[in-house]
N, C-alpha and C. Protein backbone atom coordinates (compact mmCIF):
# COMPACT_ATOMS: atom_id res chain seq x y z
N GLN A 1 125.65 94.63 104.37
CA GLN A 1 124.31 95.18 104.29
C GLN A 1 123.45 94.28 103.40
N VAL A 2 122.18 94.16 103.77
CA VAL A 2 121.26 93.36 102.98
C VAL A 2 120.67 94.22 101.87
N GLN A 3 120.50 93.61 100.71
CA GLN A 3 119.84 94.27 99.59
C GLN A 3 118.43 93.71 99.44
N LEU A 4 117.46 94.59 99.22
CA LEU A 4 116.06 94.20 99.15
C LEU A 4 115.45 94.68 97.85
N VAL A 5 114.66 93.82 97.23
CA VAL A 5 113.97 94.16 95.99
C VAL A 5 112.52 93.74 96.09
N GLU A 6 111.60 94.71 95.92
CA GLU A 6 110.17 94.43 95.99
C GLU A 6 109.60 94.22 94.60
N SER A 7 108.48 93.51 94.57
CA SER A 7 107.74 93.32 93.33
C SER A 7 106.29 93.04 93.67
N GLY A 8 105.42 93.13 92.67
CA GLY A 8 104.03 92.75 92.84
C GLY A 8 103.03 93.88 92.90
N GLY A 9 103.49 95.12 92.90
CA GLY A 9 102.57 96.24 92.94
C GLY A 9 101.80 96.38 91.64
N GLY A 10 100.77 97.22 91.69
CA GLY A 10 99.97 97.44 90.51
C GLY A 10 98.72 98.23 90.82
N LEU A 11 97.81 98.23 89.86
CA LEU A 11 96.54 98.94 89.97
C LEU A 11 95.41 97.95 90.15
N VAL A 12 94.62 98.14 91.20
CA VAL A 12 93.47 97.28 91.46
C VAL A 12 92.28 98.14 91.88
N GLN A 13 91.10 97.58 91.75
CA GLN A 13 89.89 98.24 92.22
C GLN A 13 89.68 97.97 93.70
N ALA A 14 88.97 98.88 94.36
CA ALA A 14 88.63 98.68 95.76
C ALA A 14 87.96 97.33 95.97
N GLY A 15 88.38 96.64 97.03
CA GLY A 15 87.89 95.31 97.31
C GLY A 15 88.74 94.20 96.73
N GLY A 16 89.67 94.55 95.88
CA GLY A 16 90.54 93.57 95.27
C GLY A 16 91.72 93.20 96.13
N SER A 17 92.61 92.39 95.56
CA SER A 17 93.76 91.87 96.29
C SER A 17 95.04 92.01 95.48
N LEU A 18 96.15 92.13 96.20
CA LEU A 18 97.48 92.09 95.62
C LEU A 18 98.40 91.35 96.56
N ARG A 19 99.43 90.74 96.00
CA ARG A 19 100.45 90.07 96.80
C ARG A 19 101.81 90.67 96.44
N LEU A 20 102.44 91.29 97.42
CA LEU A 20 103.76 91.86 97.25
C LEU A 20 104.82 90.87 97.71
N SER A 21 105.97 90.90 97.05
CA SER A 21 107.08 90.04 97.42
C SER A 21 108.34 90.87 97.57
N CYS A 22 109.22 90.42 98.45
CA CYS A 22 110.51 91.07 98.68
C CYS A 22 111.56 89.98 98.76
N THR A 23 112.61 90.13 97.97
CA THR A 23 113.71 89.18 97.96
C THR A 23 114.96 89.84 98.54
N ALA A 24 115.62 89.16 99.46
CA ALA A 24 116.79 89.70 100.15
C ALA A 24 118.06 88.97 99.73
N SER A 25 119.15 89.71 99.75
CA SER A 25 120.46 89.14 99.47
C SER A 25 121.52 89.96 100.21
N GLY A 26 122.72 89.40 100.35
CA GLY A 26 123.84 90.12 100.93
C GLY A 26 124.04 89.93 102.43
N ARG A 27 123.12 89.25 103.10
CA ARG A 27 123.22 88.98 104.53
C ARG A 27 122.38 87.76 104.84
N GLN A 28 122.68 87.12 105.95
CA GLN A 28 121.92 85.94 106.34
C GLN A 28 120.49 86.36 106.68
N PHE A 29 119.56 85.96 105.84
CA PHE A 29 118.18 86.40 105.94
C PHE A 29 117.51 85.93 107.22
N SER A 30 117.86 84.76 107.70
CA SER A 30 117.19 84.18 108.85
C SER A 30 117.44 84.94 110.15
N SER A 31 118.41 85.85 110.19
CA SER A 31 118.72 86.61 111.39
C SER A 31 118.06 87.98 111.42
N ILE A 32 117.23 88.30 110.45
CA ILE A 32 116.71 89.65 110.26
C ILE A 32 115.20 89.69 110.48
N ASN A 33 114.76 90.65 111.29
CA ASN A 33 113.33 90.97 111.34
C ASN A 33 112.97 91.77 110.08
N MET A 34 111.81 91.48 109.52
CA MET A 34 111.40 92.13 108.29
C MET A 34 110.08 92.86 108.48
N ALA A 35 109.88 93.89 107.68
CA ALA A 35 108.66 94.67 107.78
C ALA A 35 108.30 95.27 106.43
N TRP A 36 107.05 95.65 106.32
CA TRP A 36 106.56 96.44 105.19
C TRP A 36 106.10 97.80 105.71
N PHE A 37 106.52 98.84 105.01
CA PHE A 37 106.06 100.19 105.25
C PHE A 37 105.41 100.72 103.98
N ARG A 38 104.64 101.77 104.11
CA ARG A 38 104.09 102.43 102.94
C ARG A 38 104.14 103.94 103.12
N GLN A 39 104.18 104.64 102.01
CA GLN A 39 104.20 106.08 102.05
C GLN A 39 103.34 106.63 100.92
N ALA A 40 102.24 107.27 101.30
CA ALA A 40 101.37 107.92 100.34
C ALA A 40 101.88 109.33 100.08
N SER A 41 101.47 109.90 98.97
CA SER A 41 101.92 111.23 98.59
C SER A 41 101.59 112.24 99.67
N GLY A 42 102.59 112.97 100.12
CA GLY A 42 102.41 114.00 101.12
C GLY A 42 102.21 113.51 102.53
N LYS A 43 102.39 112.21 102.78
CA LYS A 43 102.17 111.66 104.10
C LYS A 43 103.43 111.00 104.65
N GLU A 44 103.41 110.75 105.95
CA GLU A 44 104.52 110.12 106.64
C GLU A 44 104.61 108.63 106.28
N ARG A 45 105.82 108.12 106.31
CA ARG A 45 106.03 106.69 106.11
C ARG A 45 105.36 105.92 107.25
N GLU A 46 104.58 104.91 106.91
CA GLU A 46 103.72 104.22 107.85
C GLU A 46 104.02 102.73 107.90
N PHE A 47 104.15 102.20 109.10
CA PHE A 47 104.32 100.77 109.31
C PHE A 47 103.02 100.04 108.98
N VAL A 48 103.12 98.95 108.22
CA VAL A 48 101.93 98.19 107.86
C VAL A 48 101.99 96.73 108.27
N ALA A 49 103.18 96.17 108.46
CA ALA A 49 103.29 94.78 108.87
C ALA A 49 104.72 94.46 109.26
N GLY A 50 104.90 93.58 110.24
CA GLY A 50 106.23 93.15 110.64
C GLY A 50 106.22 91.69 111.01
N ILE A 51 107.39 91.06 110.88
CA ILE A 51 107.53 89.65 111.20
C ILE A 51 108.91 89.41 111.78
N THR A 52 108.99 88.57 112.81
CA THR A 52 110.26 88.27 113.44
C THR A 52 111.13 87.39 112.55
N TRP A 53 112.40 87.26 112.94
CA TRP A 53 113.38 86.56 112.11
C TRP A 53 113.00 85.12 111.83
N ASN A 54 112.35 84.47 112.79
CA ASN A 54 111.98 83.07 112.61
C ASN A 54 110.51 82.89 112.22
N GLY A 55 109.81 83.99 112.02
CA GLY A 55 108.42 83.93 111.58
C GLY A 55 107.42 83.55 112.63
N ASP A 56 107.81 83.54 113.90
CA ASP A 56 106.89 83.09 114.95
C ASP A 56 106.02 84.19 115.52
N SER A 57 106.21 85.43 115.08
CA SER A 57 105.41 86.54 115.58
C SER A 57 105.23 87.58 114.49
N THR A 58 104.03 88.15 114.42
CA THR A 58 103.74 89.22 113.46
C THR A 58 103.04 90.36 114.17
N HIS A 59 103.04 91.52 113.53
CA HIS A 59 102.39 92.68 114.10
C HIS A 59 101.82 93.54 112.99
N TYR A 60 100.61 94.07 113.22
CA TYR A 60 99.93 94.91 112.25
C TYR A 60 99.26 96.09 112.95
N PRO A 61 99.22 97.24 112.31
CA PRO A 61 98.42 98.34 112.86
C PRO A 61 96.95 98.11 112.58
N ASP A 62 96.11 98.84 113.29
CA ASP A 62 94.67 98.66 113.13
C ASP A 62 94.20 98.96 111.70
N SER A 63 94.90 99.80 110.99
CA SER A 63 94.49 100.19 109.66
C SER A 63 94.48 99.03 108.66
N VAL A 64 95.29 98.00 108.91
CA VAL A 64 95.36 96.87 107.98
C VAL A 64 95.04 95.54 108.63
N LYS A 65 94.88 95.51 109.94
CA LYS A 65 94.64 94.27 110.66
C LYS A 65 93.40 93.56 110.12
N GLY A 66 93.54 92.28 109.85
CA GLY A 66 92.45 91.49 109.30
C GLY A 66 92.38 91.50 107.79
N ARG A 67 93.12 92.40 107.14
CA ARG A 67 93.14 92.49 105.69
C ARG A 67 94.48 92.10 105.08
N PHE A 68 95.57 92.43 105.78
CA PHE A 68 96.92 92.16 105.29
C PHE A 68 97.54 91.03 106.09
N THR A 69 98.35 90.22 105.42
CA THR A 69 99.07 89.14 106.08
C THR A 69 100.52 89.13 105.59
N ILE A 70 101.45 89.19 106.54
CA ILE A 70 102.87 89.10 106.21
C ILE A 70 103.35 87.68 106.46
N SER A 71 104.23 87.20 105.61
CA SER A 71 104.81 85.87 105.78
C SER A 71 106.23 85.88 105.24
N ARG A 72 107.01 84.86 105.59
CA ARG A 72 108.37 84.78 105.09
C ARG A 72 108.76 83.33 104.84
N ASP A 73 109.71 83.16 103.96
CA ASP A 73 110.28 81.86 103.66
C ASP A 73 111.79 82.04 103.70
N ASN A 74 112.39 81.67 104.81
CA ASN A 74 113.82 81.90 104.99
C ASN A 74 114.66 81.06 104.03
N ALA A 75 114.16 79.92 103.62
CA ALA A 75 114.88 79.09 102.66
C ALA A 75 114.99 79.77 101.31
N LYS A 76 114.03 80.64 100.99
CA LYS A 76 114.02 81.35 99.71
C LYS A 76 114.42 82.81 99.85
N ASN A 77 114.73 83.26 101.07
CA ASN A 77 115.11 84.65 101.33
C ASN A 77 114.04 85.63 100.86
N THR A 78 112.79 85.31 101.15
CA THR A 78 111.69 86.16 100.71
C THR A 78 110.74 86.49 101.85
N VAL A 79 110.11 87.64 101.75
CA VAL A 79 109.02 88.02 102.62
C VAL A 79 107.89 88.53 101.73
N ASN A 80 106.67 88.19 102.10
CA ASN A 80 105.51 88.53 101.28
C ASN A 80 104.50 89.33 102.07
N LEU A 81 103.67 90.06 101.35
CA LEU A 81 102.56 90.78 101.96
C LEU A 81 101.32 90.52 101.12
N GLN A 82 100.42 89.73 101.66
CA GLN A 82 99.14 89.49 101.01
C GLN A 82 98.16 90.57 101.45
N MET A 83 97.61 91.30 100.50
CA MET A 83 96.72 92.41 100.78
C MET A 83 95.35 92.11 100.19
N ASN A 84 94.36 91.99 101.05
CA ASN A 84 92.99 91.72 100.64
C ASN A 84 92.09 92.88 101.01
N SER A 85 90.91 92.91 100.42
CA SER A 85 89.92 93.95 100.70
C SER A 85 90.53 95.34 100.63
N LEU A 86 91.25 95.59 99.57
CA LEU A 86 91.98 96.85 99.43
C LEU A 86 91.03 98.04 99.34
N LYS A 87 91.49 99.14 99.92
CA LYS A 87 90.75 100.39 99.96
C LYS A 87 91.54 101.47 99.25
N PRO A 88 90.87 102.51 98.76
CA PRO A 88 91.62 103.61 98.13
C PRO A 88 92.68 104.21 99.05
N GLU A 89 92.44 104.24 100.35
CA GLU A 89 93.42 104.78 101.28
C GLU A 89 94.66 103.91 101.44
N ASP A 90 94.65 102.71 100.86
CA ASP A 90 95.84 101.87 100.84
C ASP A 90 96.81 102.28 99.74
N THR A 91 96.41 103.18 98.87
CA THR A 91 97.27 103.64 97.78
C THR A 91 98.53 104.28 98.33
N ALA A 92 99.68 103.76 97.92
CA ALA A 92 100.96 104.25 98.41
C ALA A 92 102.08 103.49 97.70
N VAL A 93 103.30 103.96 97.92
CA VAL A 93 104.47 103.18 97.57
C VAL A 93 104.78 102.29 98.76
N TYR A 94 104.91 101.00 98.52
CA TYR A 94 105.17 100.03 99.57
C TYR A 94 106.63 99.63 99.56
N TYR A 95 107.24 99.65 100.74
CA TYR A 95 108.65 99.36 100.89
C TYR A 95 108.88 98.17 101.81
N CYS A 96 109.79 97.33 101.43
CA CYS A 96 110.28 96.25 102.28
C CYS A 96 111.47 96.78 103.08
N ALA A 97 111.56 96.41 104.36
CA ALA A 97 112.62 96.90 105.23
C ALA A 97 113.17 95.78 106.10
N ALA A 98 114.46 95.88 106.44
CA ALA A 98 115.14 94.88 107.25
C ALA A 98 115.74 95.52 108.49
N ASP A 99 115.68 94.79 109.61
CA ASP A 99 116.16 95.26 110.90
C ASP A 99 116.92 94.12 111.58
N TRP A 100 118.08 94.42 112.15
CA TRP A 100 118.81 93.42 112.92
C TRP A 100 119.26 94.01 114.24
N PRO A 101 119.53 93.21 115.27
CA PRO A 101 119.75 91.75 115.28
C PRO A 101 118.49 90.90 115.21
N GLY A 102 117.32 91.51 115.35
CA GLY A 102 116.09 90.75 115.18
C GLY A 102 115.48 90.18 116.45
N SER A 103 115.52 90.96 117.53
CA SER A 103 114.95 90.51 118.79
C SER A 103 113.49 90.88 118.97
N ARG A 104 113.03 91.92 118.27
CA ARG A 104 111.66 92.38 118.38
C ARG A 104 111.26 93.09 117.11
N ILE A 105 109.96 93.29 116.93
CA ILE A 105 109.45 94.01 115.78
C ILE A 105 109.34 95.49 116.11
N HIS A 106 109.99 96.33 115.33
CA HIS A 106 109.90 97.77 115.48
C HIS A 106 108.86 98.33 114.52
N ILE A 107 108.18 99.41 114.95
CA ILE A 107 107.18 100.04 114.11
C ILE A 107 107.62 101.39 113.58
N ASP A 108 108.79 101.86 113.98
CA ASP A 108 109.31 103.14 113.54
C ASP A 108 110.30 102.95 112.40
N TYR A 109 110.16 103.75 111.36
CA TYR A 109 110.97 103.56 110.17
C TYR A 109 112.47 103.71 110.43
N TYR A 110 112.83 104.57 111.38
CA TYR A 110 114.24 104.85 111.63
C TYR A 110 114.95 103.69 112.32
N GLU A 111 114.23 102.70 112.77
CA GLU A 111 114.83 101.52 113.37
C GLU A 111 115.33 100.52 112.33
N TYR A 112 115.00 100.73 111.08
CA TYR A 112 115.34 99.77 110.03
C TYR A 112 116.58 100.18 109.28
N ASP A 113 117.38 99.18 108.95
CA ASP A 113 118.72 99.41 108.41
C ASP A 113 118.79 99.39 106.89
N SER A 114 117.96 98.59 106.26
CA SER A 114 117.99 98.44 104.82
C SER A 114 116.59 98.54 104.25
N TRP A 115 116.51 99.09 103.04
CA TRP A 115 115.23 99.34 102.39
C TRP A 115 115.28 98.94 100.92
N GLY A 116 114.15 98.46 100.44
CA GLY A 116 114.01 98.24 99.02
C GLY A 116 113.68 99.52 98.29
N GLN A 117 113.55 99.43 96.98
CA GLN A 117 113.29 100.60 96.16
C GLN A 117 111.84 101.03 96.16
N GLY A 118 110.95 100.17 96.61
CA GLY A 118 109.53 100.46 96.66
C GLY A 118 108.78 99.96 95.45
N THR A 119 107.51 99.65 95.65
CA THR A 119 106.64 99.25 94.56
C THR A 119 105.29 99.95 94.74
N GLN A 120 104.77 100.51 93.66
CA GLN A 120 103.55 101.32 93.72
C GLN A 120 102.32 100.43 93.79
N VAL A 121 101.44 100.74 94.74
CA VAL A 121 100.13 100.11 94.83
C VAL A 121 99.09 101.22 94.69
N THR A 122 98.21 101.08 93.72
CA THR A 122 97.15 102.06 93.50
C THR A 122 95.81 101.35 93.54
N VAL A 123 94.92 101.82 94.40
CA VAL A 123 93.60 101.24 94.56
C VAL A 123 92.58 102.27 94.11
N SER A 124 91.84 101.95 93.08
CA SER A 124 90.85 102.87 92.53
C SER A 124 89.49 102.62 93.14
N SER A 125 88.66 103.66 93.15
CA SER A 125 87.30 103.54 93.66
C SER A 125 86.29 103.52 92.53
């Protein structure tokens, strides 16, 4: 099983930016599709970004499209989420997730096999 650790969360004002990072270990990172999910208080876990194992394809929901960018560096076993133009509704705990064998990007949380501990992102107005 792959182990995932997120970092980079914090408190920012609306319109600001944050960059989240996730470091993987315990499995060959290059064979895994990666994604970011978020969960706000009292709400369902929500897909926010996904990237294929080789980084050649990404997917975003309309809620973050044009504002968030996912990327990965397989040599460093990391996946990142650059978040720009943040809104108060982006406030949530953000989780890094891993899925294998890595043939396509899934948007449902139950398709993912491993999860990080989460990092809090709070956007103030």
